[in-house]
Protein backbone atom coordinates (compact mmCIF):
# COMPACT_ATOMS: atom_id res chain seq x y z
CA MET A 1 120.64 155.71 150.49
CA VAL A 2 122.27 152.66 148.47
CA ILE A 3 121.65 150.51 151.95
CA ARG A 4 117.76 151.94 151.30
CA ARG A 5 117.91 151.21 147.54
CA ARG A 6 119.22 147.42 147.95
CA TRP A 7 116.57 146.92 150.73
CA ARG A 8 113.24 148.32 148.85
CA ALA A 9 115.50 145.96 145.75
CA ILE A 10 115.18 143.57 148.32
CA VAL A 11 112.15 144.29 150.13
CA PHE A 12 109.61 145.32 147.78
CA PRO A 13 109.23 141.89 145.51
CA LEU A 14 109.77 139.40 148.96
CA VAL A 15 106.29 141.44 149.93
CA LEU A 16 104.95 141.29 146.08
CA TYR A 17 105.70 138.32 146.21
CA ALA A 18 104.06 136.96 149.45
CA VAL A 19 100.84 139.67 149.04
CA SER A 20 100.38 137.44 144.98
CA GLY A 21 101.88 133.99 147.00
CA SER A 22 98.44 134.37 149.44
CA VAL A 23 95.56 136.01 147.04
CA THR A 24 96.81 132.62 144.79
CA SER A 25 96.50 130.09 147.65
CA TYR A 26 93.19 131.84 149.25
CA PHE A 27 91.90 130.56 144.87
CA VAL A 28 93.42 127.43 145.38
CA TRP A 29 92.00 126.81 148.80
CA HIS A 30 87.97 128.43 147.70
CA ALA A 31 89.13 125.95 144.64
CA VAL A 32 88.98 122.64 145.53
CA ASN A 33 86.98 123.09 149.80
CA GLY A 34 84.10 126.54 148.73
CA GLY A 35 80.93 125.45 147.93
CA ARG A 36 81.29 124.49 144.38
CA GLY A 37 84.70 123.52 144.80
CA LEU A 38 85.53 119.78 143.69
CA LYS A 39 85.33 118.34 147.08
CA ALA A 40 81.35 119.78 147.47
CA GLN A 41 81.02 118.09 143.69
CA ASP A 42 82.13 115.03 144.37
CA GLU A 43 79.15 115.37 147.32
CA TYR A 44 77.28 116.25 145.17
CA GLN A 45 77.34 113.38 142.62
CA ALA A 46 77.59 110.87 145.07
CA ARG A 47 74.29 113.10 146.57
CA GLN A 48 72.59 112.29 143.11
CA GLU A 49 74.29 108.91 143.11
CA ALA A 50 72.41 107.38 146.34
CA LEU A 51 69.08 109.73 145.37
CA SER A 52 69.18 107.99 141.71
CA GLN A 53 69.02 104.32 143.28
CA GLU A 54 66.31 105.46 145.92
CA LEU A 55 64.14 106.56 142.54
CA ALA A 56 64.88 103.40 140.88
CA GLU A 57 63.51 101.49 143.58
CA LEU A 58 60.21 103.90 144.49
CA ARG A 59 59.44 103.67 140.61
CA THR A 60 59.81 99.59 141.03
CA GLU A 61 57.95 99.58 144.46
CA ARG A 62 55.00 101.79 143.13
CA ALA A 63 54.55 99.69 139.48
CA ALA A 64 54.05 96.70 141.97
CA TRP A 65 52.17 98.56 143.83
CA ASP A 66 49.54 99.16 140.50
CA ARG A 67 49.61 96.54 139.21
CA ARG A 68 48.14 94.91 143.26
CA VAL A 69 45.45 97.87 142.85
CA ALA A 70 44.71 97.27 139.09
CA MET A 71 43.53 93.83 139.77
CA LEU A 72 40.82 96.28 142.48
CA ARG A 73 39.68 98.17 140.02
CA ALA A 74 35.87 97.74 140.14
CA GLU A 75 35.25 96.19 136.50
CA SER A 76 37.63 93.39 137.55
CA VAL A 77 37.33 93.01 141.10
CA ASP A 78 40.01 89.67 142.00
CA ARG A 79 38.30 88.77 145.37
CA ASP A 80 40.69 85.84 146.36
CA LEU A 81 43.45 89.57 146.58
CA LEU A 82 40.10 91.54 147.98
CA ASP A 83 39.63 88.95 150.34
CA GLU A 84 43.29 87.24 151.42
CA GLN A 85 44.07 91.73 152.06
CA THR A 86 41.14 92.50 154.41
CA ARG A 87 41.49 89.32 156.02
CA SER A 88 45.82 89.79 157.13
CA MET A 89 45.00 93.63 157.75
CA LEU A 90 42.16 92.67 160.09
CA GLY A 91 43.63 90.04 161.72
CA ARG A 92 40.27 87.78 161.06
CA VAL A 93 39.87 84.17 159.65
CA HIS A 94 36.76 82.84 158.42
CA LYS A 95 34.93 80.11 160.55
CA ASN A 96 36.02 77.22 157.73
CA ASP A 97 39.43 78.05 156.90
CA LEU A 98 42.59 76.06 158.22
CA VAL A 99 45.48 78.14 159.70
CA ILE A 100 49.38 76.45 160.03
CA MET A 101 51.18 78.71 161.76
CA LEU A 102 54.76 78.46 161.05
CA PRO A 103 58.26 79.51 162.61
CA GLN A 104 58.71 83.08 162.17
CA ALA A 105 62.62 83.49 160.76
CA ARG A 106 65.34 84.72 163.24
CA LYS A 107 66.91 88.07 162.38
CA ASP A 108 70.45 87.76 163.80
């Protein structure tokens, strides 16, 4: 009986500590690596910053296109811009135009 009591006095706290340590480590691991953990939060913030930067670039590009489209409106057509755009899209040149071919820059 004395041996059983001593054995229980040693084993029971060890089992209790092992189980509570396992449960605690489970929750800590998920708090760091889980779907809503610290690592996932850092990834979300990095993705948000990248998307915010892309949005700013797209807004700048859209503003440039809005300015160009505004020049092509019916009430105030910029004939030079219209002519330039149509010729560049069609790849045509007027017979009285002077074409100067420049060497293209190398992309290394």
